[in-house]
Amino acid sequence: MAYAIKAEIQDPPAETFVFAAQKTMYGGKRIAEGDIVFLFASENEGGQGLVARGIVTSSEAIPRRPDLERQTPRVSITVRRTALATKRLGRYELKRFRDWNDGRRPETELNFKFYRQATNKIVGISDATAAFLEGFF
């Protein structure tokens, strides 16, 4: 399975990225070493969307806190960059894909998972969306 992360990325051309205690949704908590991950620099922190593709080199689930009844699973990952994006794909490009009944277009999946709730997170993505994202490298 492939994943995507929307997070603060200060140095997109870096060789390695470390993301500590990231929120997970839509199957993101299953991310593991060896998985492909597409990195989106969060517009909430001044980023521009898709910046890189990488391979997860380590993944560690963050233990749940016993004092909280409801909490979103979190995971820390390290990613080795394998490619830089050559085309732009961010909130602006995905904004018009809001019809959740459009036959599951990759653009709609990304818009739904990343921008319906503006929080940064790791999400699982479909094979079709992963194939679509490969076209940006």
C-alpha atoms as a PDB file:
ATOM      1  CA  MET A   1       0.000   0.000   0.000  1.00  0.00           C
ATOM      2  CA  ALA A   2       1.126   3.564  -0.655  1.00  0.00           C
ATOM      3  CA  TYR A   3       0.732   6.531   1.639  1.00  0.00           C
ATOM      4  CA  ALA A   4       0.813  10.294   1.513  1.00  0.00           C
ATOM      5  CA  ILE A   5       1.760  12.749   4.207  1.00  0.00           C
ATOM      6  CA  LYS A   6       0.849  16.413   4.473  1.00  0.00           C
ATOM      7  CA  ALA A   7       3.204  18.069   6.939  1.00  0.00           C
ATOM      8  CA  GLU A   8       5.548  20.978   7.447  1.00  0.00           C
ATOM      9  CA  ILE A   9       8.512  20.406   5.132  1.00  0.00           C
ATOM     10  CA  GLN A  10      11.096  23.146   5.444  1.00  0.00           C
ATOM     11  CA  ASP A  11      13.693  21.671   3.069  1.00  0.00           C
ATOM     12  CA  PRO A  12      11.987  19.803   0.180  1.00  0.00           C
ATOM     13  CA  PRO A  13      15.265  18.751  -1.551  1.00  0.00           C
ATOM     14  CA  ALA A  14      16.575  17.096   1.631  1.00  0.00           C
ATOM     15  CA  GLU A  15      17.676  13.470   1.292  1.00  0.00           C
ATOM     16  CA  THR A  16      15.971  12.382   4.534  1.00  0.00           C
ATOM     17  CA  PHE A  17      12.845  13.554   6.349  1.00  0.00           C
ATOM     18  CA  VAL A  18      11.853  12.836   9.944  1.00  0.00           C
ATOM     19  CA  PHE A  19       8.209  13.246  10.927  1.00  0.00           C
ATOM     20  CA  ALA A  20       7.587  12.825  14.662  1.00  0.00           C
ATOM     21  CA  ALA A  21       4.236  11.866  16.195  1.00  0.00           C
ATOM     22  CA  GLN A  22       2.174  12.544  13.067  1.00  0.00           C
ATOM     23  CA  LYS A  23      -1.596  12.204  13.118  1.00  0.00           C
ATOM     24  CA  THR A  24      -2.914   9.336  10.975  1.00  0.00           C
ATOM     25  CA  MET A  25      -6.241   8.872   9.197  1.00  0.00           C
ATOM     26  CA  TYR A  26      -7.710   6.635   6.473  1.00  0.00           C
ATOM     27  CA  GLY A  27      -5.383   3.727   7.200  1.00  0.00           C
ATOM     28  CA  GLY A  28      -2.293   5.862   7.722  1.00  0.00           C
ATOM     29  CA  LYS A  29      -1.501   4.115  10.998  1.00  0.00           C
ATOM     30  CA  ARG A  30      -0.457   1.012   9.011  1.00  0.00           C
ATOM     31  CA  ILE A  31       2.523   2.752   7.382  1.00  0.00           C
ATOM     32  CA  ALA A  32       5.652   0.625   7.716  1.00  0.00           C
ATOM     33  CA  GLU A  33       9.280   0.374   6.683  1.00  0.00           C
ATOM     34  CA  GLY A  34       9.603  -0.113   2.923  1.00  0.00           C
ATOM     35  CA  ASP A  35       6.319   1.615   2.019  1.00  0.00           C
ATOM     36  CA  ILE A  36       6.177   4.317  -0.645  1.00  0.00           C
ATOM     37  CA  VAL A  37       5.110   7.725   0.647  1.00  0.00           C
ATOM     38  CA  PHE A  38       4.292  10.905  -1.264  1.00  0.00           C
ATOM     39  CA  LEU A  39       5.278  14.073   0.601  1.00  0.00           C
ATOM     40  CA  PHE A  40       3.085  17.173   0.503  1.00  0.00           C
ATOM     41  CA  ALA A  41       4.427  20.389   2.034  1.00  0.00           C
ATOM     42  CA  SER A  42       1.480  21.720   4.019  1.00  0.00           C
ATOM     43  CA  GLU A  43       0.036  24.984   2.780  1.00  0.00           C
ATOM     44  CA  ASN A  44      -0.845  25.717   6.426  1.00  0.00           C
ATOM     45  CA  GLU A  45       2.901  26.198   7.020  1.00  0.00           C
ATOM     46  CA  GLY A  46       3.695  27.972   3.749  1.00  0.00           C
ATOM     47  CA  GLY A  47       4.262  24.859   1.616  1.00  0.00           C
ATOM     48  CA  GLN A  48       3.084  24.309  -1.953  1.00  0.00           C
ATOM     49  CA  GLY A  49       1.733  20.762  -1.972  1.00  0.00           C
ATOM     50  CA  LEU A  50       3.428  17.730  -3.526  1.00  0.00           C
ATOM     51  CA  VAL A  51       7.219  18.023  -3.265  1.00  0.00           C
ATOM     52  CA  ALA A  52       8.714  14.530  -3.180  1.00  0.00           C
ATOM     53  CA  ARG A  53       8.322  10.763  -3.162  1.00  0.00           C
ATOM     54  CA  GLY A  54      10.209   8.534  -0.780  1.00  0.00           C
ATOM     55  CA  ILE A  55      10.584   5.209   0.961  1.00  0.00           C
ATOM     56  CA  VAL A  56       9.840   4.774   4.653  1.00  0.00           C
ATOM     57  CA  THR A  57      13.066   3.688   6.377  1.00  0.00           C
ATOM     58  CA  SER A  58      11.582   3.498   9.878  1.00  0.00           C
ATOM     59  CA  SER A  59       8.134   3.628  11.412  1.00  0.00           C
ATOM     60  CA  GLU A  60       7.138   3.614  15.067  1.00  0.00           C
ATOM     61  CA  ALA A  61       3.621   3.808  16.478  1.00  0.00           C
ATOM     62  CA  ILE A  62       3.211   6.279  19.318  1.00  0.00           C
ATOM     63  CA  PRO A  63       1.566   4.622  22.350  1.00  0.00           C
ATOM     64  CA  ARG A  64      -1.895   5.843  23.235  1.00  0.00           C
ATOM     65  CA  ARG A  65      -2.202   7.985  26.316  1.00  0.00           C
ATOM     66  CA  PRO A  66      -4.301   6.276  29.000  1.00  0.00           C
ATOM     67  CA  ASP A  67      -5.671   9.616  30.220  1.00  0.00           C
ATOM     68  CA  LEU A  68      -7.419  10.340  26.889  1.00  0.00           C
ATOM     69  CA  GLU A  69     -10.619   8.573  25.922  1.00  0.00           C
ATOM     70  CA  ARG A  70     -10.533   9.539  22.241  1.00  0.00           C
ATOM     71  CA  GLN A  71      -7.344  10.154  20.339  1.00  0.00           C
ATOM     72  CA  THR A  72      -6.133   9.911  16.798  1.00  0.00           C
ATOM     73  CA  PRO A  73      -3.424   7.266  16.296  1.00  0.00           C
ATOM     74  CA  ARG A  74       0.009   8.800  15.763  1.00  0.00           C
ATOM     75  CA  VAL A  75       3.180   7.462  14.215  1.00  0.00           C
ATOM     76  CA  SER A  76       6.748   8.675  13.771  1.00  0.00           C
ATOM     77  CA  ILE A  77       8.430   7.925  10.447  1.00  0.00           C
ATOM     78  CA  THR A  78      11.721   8.539   8.687  1.00  0.00           C
ATOM     79  CA  VAL A  79      11.652   8.823   4.893  1.00  0.00           C
ATOM     80  CA  ARG A  80      14.470   8.620   2.349  1.00  0.00           C
ATOM     81  CA  ARG A  81      13.656  10.795  -0.657  1.00  0.00           C
ATOM     82  CA  THR A  82      13.691   8.966  -4.001  1.00  0.00           C
ATOM     83  CA  ALA A  83      12.418  11.734  -6.317  1.00  0.00           C
ATOM     84  CA  LEU A  84      11.445  15.398  -6.405  1.00  0.00           C
ATOM     85  CA  ALA A  85       8.134  16.468  -7.934  1.00  0.00           C
ATOM     86  CA  THR A  86       8.437  18.087 -11.360  1.00  0.00           C
ATOM     87  CA  LYS A  87       4.839  19.328 -11.579  1.00  0.00           C
ATOM     88  CA  ARG A  88       2.719  21.255  -9.100  1.00  0.00           C
ATOM     89  CA  LEU A  89      -0.119  19.569  -7.184  1.00  0.00           C
ATOM     90  CA  GLY A  90      -1.581  21.212  -4.122  1.00  0.00           C
ATOM     91  CA  ARG A  91      -4.706  22.644  -2.575  1.00  0.00           C
ATOM     92  CA  TYR A  92      -5.283  25.033  -5.492  1.00  0.00           C
ATOM     93  CA  GLU A  93      -5.135  22.278  -8.133  1.00  0.00           C
ATOM     94  CA  LEU A  94      -7.300  19.880  -6.093  1.00  0.00           C
ATOM     95  CA  LYS A  95      -9.894  22.400  -4.880  1.00  0.00           C
ATOM     96  CA  ARG A  96     -12.335  21.826  -7.742  1.00  0.00           C
ATOM     97  CA  PHE A  97     -12.495  18.050  -7.124  1.00  0.00           C
ATOM     98  CA  ARG A  98     -15.253  18.115  -4.494  1.00  0.00           C
ATOM     99  CA  ASP A  99     -17.804  15.735  -5.993  1.00  0.00           C
ATOM    100  CA  TRP A 100     -17.391  12.696  -3.710  1.00  0.00           C
ATOM    101  CA  ASN A 101     -19.502  10.652  -6.171  1.00  0.00           C
ATOM    102  CA  ASP A 102     -17.319  11.205  -9.255  1.00  0.00           C
ATOM    103  CA  GLY A 103     -16.216   7.594  -9.583  1.00  0.00           C
ATOM    104  CA  ARG A 104     -13.335   7.943  -7.128  1.00  0.00           C
ATOM    105  CA  ARG A 105     -10.964  10.099  -9.118  1.00  0.00           C
ATOM    106  CA  PRO A 106      -7.468  10.308  -7.571  1.00  0.00           C
ATOM    107  CA  GLU A 107      -7.784  14.092  -7.324  1.00  0.00           C
ATOM    108  CA  THR A 108     -11.003  13.736  -5.349  1.00  0.00           C
ATOM    109  CA  GLU A 109      -9.470  11.184  -2.995  1.00  0.00           C
ATOM    110  CA  LEU A 110      -6.564  13.539  -2.238  1.00  0.00           C
ATOM    111  CA  ASN A 111      -8.832  16.566  -1.823  1.00  0.00           C
ATOM    112  CA  PHE A 112     -11.079  14.629   0.555  1.00  0.00           C
ATOM    113  CA  LYS A 113      -8.304  13.103   2.659  1.00  0.00           C
ATOM    114  CA  PHE A 114      -6.059  16.169   2.889  1.00  0.00           C
ATOM    115  CA  TYR A 115      -8.218  19.262   2.565  1.00  0.00           C
ATOM    116  CA  ARG A 116     -11.661  18.420   3.945  1.00  0.00           C
ATOM    117  CA  GLN A 117      -9.939  18.714   7.330  1.00  0.00           C
ATOM    118  CA  ALA A 118      -6.974  21.035   7.122  1.00  0.00           C
ATOM    119  CA  THR A 119      -4.869  19.197   9.716  1.00  0.00           C
ATOM    120  CA  ASN A 120      -1.553  17.650   8.770  1.00  0.00           C
ATOM    121  CA  LYS A 121      -1.639  13.860   8.640  1.00  0.00           C
ATOM    122  CA  ILE A 122      -0.492  10.583   7.126  1.00  0.00           C
ATOM    123  CA  VAL A 123      -3.133   8.855   4.986  1.00  0.00           C
ATOM    124  CA  GLY A 124      -3.368   5.596   3.098  1.00  0.00           C
ATOM    125  CA  ILE A 125      -4.068   6.058  -0.623  1.00  0.00           C
ATOM    126  CA  SER A 126      -5.480   3.769  -3.278  1.00  0.00           C
ATOM    127  CA  ASP A 127      -3.347   2.134  -5.970  1.00  0.00           C
ATOM    128  CA  ALA A 128      -5.045   4.367  -8.565  1.00  0.00           C
ATOM    129  CA  THR A 129      -4.082   7.495  -6.627  1.00  0.00           C
ATOM    130  CA  ALA A 130      -0.502   6.268  -6.188  1.00  0.00           C
ATOM    131  CA  ALA A 131      -0.286   5.664  -9.965  1.00  0.00           C
ATOM    132  CA  PHE A 132      -1.706   9.143 -10.598  1.00  0.00           C
ATOM    133  CA  LEU A 133       0.876  10.727  -8.277  1.00  0.00           C
ATOM    134  CA  GLU A 134       3.721   8.898 -10.068  1.00  0.00           C
ATOM    135  CA  GLY A 135       2.947  11.124 -13.056  1.00  0.00           C
ATOM    136  CA  PHE A 136       4.262  14.138 -11.120  1.00  0.00           C
ATOM    137  CA  PHE A 137       7.874  12.826 -11.026  1.00  0.00           C
END
